[in-house]
C-alpha cells in the first residue's frame, strides 16, 4: 500500500504594510500619552526628593537636639573659629566633628544636601543646607518660652519666639552661584529657596520639619520673622 504524504500548505508570507497616515496616527497617540504621563512622573520624582529632603532635615534635627542636650540648651553656632588653632568651622562640621552626624565625603551624597538642587554631591563646606543668620552667628539657646541668641560681641539677645515657631535650618540658595548655602539671611543674595513645588522645607526649634510657601514666609504670623524674602 502506498502512503501519500500530504502536501504542506504554504505559509502566508504576505507582509503587513502600514500607510503613512496610520503611522502618523500611532505616533500621535504615543506622543499624547507621553505628554500626559511625563508631568505626572516628574511630579512623583519631585515628591520623592522632597520626602528625602524632609528625612535629611529630621536627621539633622535629631543631631541638633542631641547637641543641644549636651550643650546646656545651646545649638551649634552658624560659624566660628577654634580658639587654639585659629581654624574655622561651620554648624555642620561641628556636628560631624563631635560624632552627631557622619562626616561628609567629597563627591558623595550626604544628608547635609537637598537632593533637589545643586550640588547633588558634597563639594565644599559652604554648599549645604542653610542655617538662618538672625543678625548674629549664634549659637541659639532653645529652651523655655523664648529663644536666646549669642551675638558676635558676646552679648545674649532674646528673640521673642517659641521654639515651635522658630525655624533655623532650611532649603537655601546663594544667588551668586545658584548653589545651596550653609548660612542665609532675610536678603536677596543668600536666602531661603522654595524649590519643592514652590515650597521650602524648614527645621524648627522643637525638632519638627514643615514646608512653607513664599506667601507663608512673607505673611504667616505663626512663624518667626514674617516678611521673609525667599527665592523661587
Protein backbone atom coordinates (compact mmCIF):
# COMPACT_ATOMS: atom_id res chain seq x y z
CA UNK A 1 0.00 0.00 0.00
CA UNK A 2 1.30 3.38 -0.94
CA UNK A 3 1.16 6.03 1.72
CA UNK A 4 0.75 9.54 0.44
CA UNK A 5 2.39 12.29 2.34
CA UNK A 6 0.03 15.27 2.45
CA UNK A 7 1.42 18.30 0.80
CA UNK A 8 2.37 21.01 3.29
CA UNK A 9 0.46 24.18 2.94
CA UNK A 10 2.49 27.15 2.10
CA UNK A 11 2.57 29.78 4.77
CA UNK A 12 1.05 33.07 4.01
CA UNK A 13 4.03 35.28 3.59
CA UNK A 14 2.18 38.41 2.73
CA UNK A 15 3.71 41.33 4.64
CA UNK A 16 1.55 43.77 6.53
CA UNK A 17 2.03 47.29 5.31
CA UNK A 18 1.05 50.45 7.21
CA UNK A 19 0.06 53.54 5.38
CA UNK A 20 1.73 56.83 6.22
CA UNK A 21 -1.50 58.09 7.76
CA UNK A 22 -1.71 55.07 10.07
CA UNK A 23 1.89 55.54 11.19
CA UNK A 24 1.25 59.20 11.91
CA UNK A 25 -1.82 58.29 13.96
CA UNK A 26 0.20 55.80 16.06
CA UNK A 27 2.99 58.34 16.60
CA UNK A 28 0.45 60.97 17.61
CA UNK A 29 -1.12 58.62 20.16
CA UNK A 30 2.31 57.81 21.65
CA UNK A 31 3.20 61.50 21.89
CA UNK A 32 -0.14 62.26 23.52
CA UNK A 33 0.41 59.54 26.12
CA UNK A 34 3.91 60.85 26.83
CA UNK A 35 2.63 64.41 27.24
CA UNK A 36 0.12 63.13 29.80
CA UNK A 37 2.48 60.82 31.68
CA UNK A 38 5.69 62.88 31.77
CA UNK A 39 4.37 65.66 34.06
CA UNK A 40 2.93 63.03 36.39
CA UNK A 41 6.25 61.16 36.51
CA UNK A 42 8.11 64.41 37.11
CA UNK A 43 5.76 65.26 39.95
CA UNK A 44 6.33 61.83 41.51
CA UNK A 45 10.12 62.28 41.28
CA UNK A 46 9.92 65.75 42.79
CA UNK A 47 7.73 64.47 45.62
CA UNK A 48 10.22 61.69 46.35
CA UNK A 49 13.05 64.23 46.51
CA UNK A 50 11.03 66.45 48.85
CA UNK A 51 10.39 63.46 51.14
CA UNK A 52 14.13 62.69 51.11
CA UNK A 53 14.86 66.32 51.95
CA UNK A 54 12.43 66.18 54.87
CA UNK A 55 14.10 62.99 56.09
CA UNK A 56 17.53 64.66 55.89
CA UNK A 57 16.34 67.61 57.95
CA UNK A 58 14.74 65.37 60.56
CA UNK A 59 18.06 63.57 60.98
CA UNK A 60 19.82 66.92 61.30
CA UNK A 61 17.16 67.96 63.80
CA UNK A 62 17.83 64.85 65.90
CA UNK A 63 21.56 65.60 65.81
CA UNK A 64 20.97 69.21 66.85
CA UNK A 65 18.65 68.06 69.65
CA UNK A 66 21.38 65.76 70.98
CA UNK A 67 23.92 68.57 70.70
CA UNK A 68 21.51 70.97 72.45
CA UNK A 69 21.02 68.46 75.27
CA UNK A 70 24.79 68.11 75.69
CA UNK A 71 25.40 71.88 75.47
CA UNK A 72 23.06 73.33 78.07
CA UNK A 73 20.29 74.11 75.54
CA UNK A 74 22.57 75.86 73.02
CA UNK A 75 22.54 74.97 69.32
CA UNK A 76 25.65 74.81 67.19
CA UNK A 77 26.92 78.21 66.07
CA UNK A 78 26.49 79.00 62.40
CA UNK A 79 30.19 79.71 62.01
CA UNK A 80 33.05 80.04 64.47
CA UNK A 81 36.79 79.59 64.93
CA UNK A 82 38.78 77.16 67.06
CA UNK A 83 40.30 79.10 69.98
CA UNK A 84 43.75 77.49 69.79
CA UNK A 85 44.46 76.67 66.15
CA UNK A 86 42.69 79.62 64.59
CA UNK A 87 40.91 77.31 62.14
CA UNK A 88 37.25 77.81 61.35
CA UNK A 89 34.21 75.55 61.19
CA UNK A 90 30.50 75.82 60.41
CA UNK A 91 27.50 74.29 62.14
CA UNK A 92 27.57 71.04 60.13
CA UNK A 93 31.30 70.50 60.63
CA UNK A 94 30.85 70.90 64.38
CA UNK A 95 28.10 68.25 64.40
CA UNK A 96 30.26 65.89 62.35
CA UNK A 97 33.45 66.58 64.32
CA UNK A 98 31.68 65.59 67.54
CA UNK A 99 30.06 62.47 66.10
CA UNK A 100 26.45 63.65 65.88
CA UNK A 101 26.28 63.08 62.09
CA UNK A 102 28.52 61.25 59.59
CA UNK A 103 31.31 63.40 58.24
CA UNK A 104 30.58 64.37 54.59
CA UNK A 105 32.87 62.97 51.89
CA UNK A 106 33.83 64.88 48.75
CA UNK A 107 31.79 63.81 45.68
CA UNK A 108 29.48 61.64 47.80
CA UNK A 109 25.86 62.15 48.79
CA UNK A 110 25.20 63.43 52.30
CA UNK A 111 22.22 64.27 54.50
CA UNK A 112 23.52 67.86 54.53
CA UNK A 113 22.31 68.38 50.95
CA UNK A 114 18.85 68.75 49.50
CA UNK A 115 18.55 66.22 46.63
CA UNK A 116 16.51 68.66 44.53
CA UNK A 117 19.20 71.28 43.92
CA UNK A 118 22.93 71.54 43.07
CA UNK A 119 25.33 70.42 44.19
CA UNK A 120 23.85 66.93 44.38
CA UNK A 121 27.03 65.57 46.00
CA UNK A 122 29.25 67.16 48.63
CA UNK A 123 31.67 69.66 47.07
CA UNK A 124 32.53 72.22 49.73
CA UNK A 125 31.52 73.09 53.27
CA UNK A 126 29.70 76.20 52.04
CA UNK A 127 27.31 74.25 49.80
CA UNK A 128 24.88 72.59 52.24
CA UNK A 129 21.56 73.32 53.94
CA UNK A 130 21.36 76.84 55.31
CA UNK A 131 21.44 77.96 58.93
CA UNK A 132 19.47 81.18 59.41
CA UNK A 133 21.63 84.14 60.42
CA UNK A 134 19.35 86.19 62.68
CA UNK A 135 21.87 89.02 62.73
CA UNK A 136 24.49 87.02 64.63
CA UNK A 137 26.47 83.84 64.10
CA UNK A 138 24.83 82.19 67.09
CA UNK A 139 24.54 79.84 68.76
CA UNK A 140 20.90 79.97 69.85
CA UNK A 141 19.59 78.79 73.17
CA UNK A 142 16.40 76.79 72.68
CA UNK A 143 14.61 76.33 75.95
CA UNK A 144 11.71 77.86 77.82
CA UNK A 145 9.25 80.29 76.31
CA UNK A 146 11.71 82.30 74.20
CA UNK A 147 14.86 81.88 72.13
CA UNK A 148 18.15 83.46 73.15
CA UNK A 149 20.99 84.21 70.75
CA UNK A 150 24.67 84.81 71.43
CA UNK A 151 25.77 87.78 69.34
CA UNK A 152 29.23 88.22 67.83
CA UNK A 153 30.06 90.69 70.61
CA UNK A 154 29.33 88.04 73.24
CA UNK A 155 26.07 89.53 74.49
CA UNK A 156 22.87 87.48 74.73
CA UNK A 157 19.94 88.67 72.66
CA UNK A 158 16.39 87.49 73.40
CA UNK A 159 14.22 86.50 70.44
CA UNK A 160 10.58 86.63 71.46
CA UNK A 161 9.54 83.39 69.83
CA UNK A 162 8.55 79.91 70.99
CA UNK A 163 10.76 77.02 69.73
CA UNK A 164 7.85 75.59 67.72
CA UNK A 165 7.70 78.81 65.65
CA UNK A 166 11.45 79.38 65.38
CA UNK A 167 12.99 77.92 62.22
CA UNK A 168 16.76 77.90 61.88
CA UNK A 169 17.75 75.38 59.16
CA UNK A 170 16.13 75.29 55.73
CA UNK A 171 16.47 74.89 51.98
CA UNK A 172 18.79 77.71 50.98
CA UNK A 173 20.47 79.24 47.97
CA UNK A 174 23.30 81.60 47.11
CA UNK A 175 22.00 83.61 44.17
CA UNK A 176 25.58 84.37 43.13
CA UNK A 177 26.44 80.78 42.12
CA UNK A 178 22.94 79.22 42.35
CA UNK A 179 24.05 76.55 44.84
CA UNK A 180 22.92 75.67 48.33
CA UNK A 181 24.42 77.86 51.06
CA UNK A 182 25.40 76.98 54.65
CA UNK A 183 24.08 80.29 56.04
CA UNK A 184 21.48 82.76 54.87
CA UNK A 185 19.72 85.96 55.86
CA UNK A 186 16.49 87.71 55.04
CA UNK A 187 18.11 89.23 51.97
CA UNK A 188 18.48 88.85 48.25
CA UNK A 189 21.86 87.11 47.90
CA UNK A 190 21.79 84.20 50.38
CA UNK A 191 18.26 83.26 51.30
CA UNK A 192 15.58 80.56 51.61
CA UNK A 193 14.83 78.70 48.39
CA UNK A 194 11.27 77.47 47.72
CA UNK A 195 12.34 74.60 45.46
CA UNK A 196 9.81 71.88 46.30
CA UNK A 197 6.76 72.77 44.19
CA UNK A 198 7.26 76.38 45.37
CA UNK A 199 7.73 75.29 48.99
CA UNK A 200 10.80 75.28 51.24
CA UNK A 201 11.41 72.71 53.98
CA UNK A 202 12.18 74.27 57.36
CA UNK A 203 13.56 72.74 60.57
CA UNK A 204 12.05 74.29 63.70
CA UNK A 205 13.38 74.63 67.22
CA UNK A 206 11.18 71.87 68.61
CA UNK A 207 12.56 69.41 66.03
CA UNK A 208 9.67 69.27 63.56
CA UNK A 209 10.09 69.86 59.82
CA UNK A 210 7.45 71.72 57.86
CA UNK A 211 7.21 73.08 54.28
CA UNK A 212 6.33 76.75 53.79
CA UNK A 213 5.50 78.73 50.67
CA UNK A 214 6.79 82.18 49.76
CA UNK A 215 3.47 83.66 50.83
CA UNK A 216 3.63 81.96 54.23
CA UNK A 217 7.21 83.11 54.76
CA UNK A 218 6.14 86.62 53.87
CA UNK A 219 2.88 86.90 55.79
CA UNK A 220 2.42 83.99 58.23
CA UNK A 221 2.46 85.24 61.81
CA UNK A 222 2.62 81.67 63.15
CA UNK A 223 6.36 81.53 62.40
CA UNK A 224 9.15 83.85 63.44
CA UNK A 225 10.45 86.57 61.14
CA UNK A 226 7.44 87.26 58.96
CA UNK A 227 8.14 89.34 55.91
CA UNK A 228 10.87 86.92 54.81
CA UNK A 229 12.11 87.26 51.24
CA UNK A 230 12.59 83.86 49.59
CA UNK A 231 13.96 82.86 46.19
CA UNK A 232 11.94 80.91 43.64
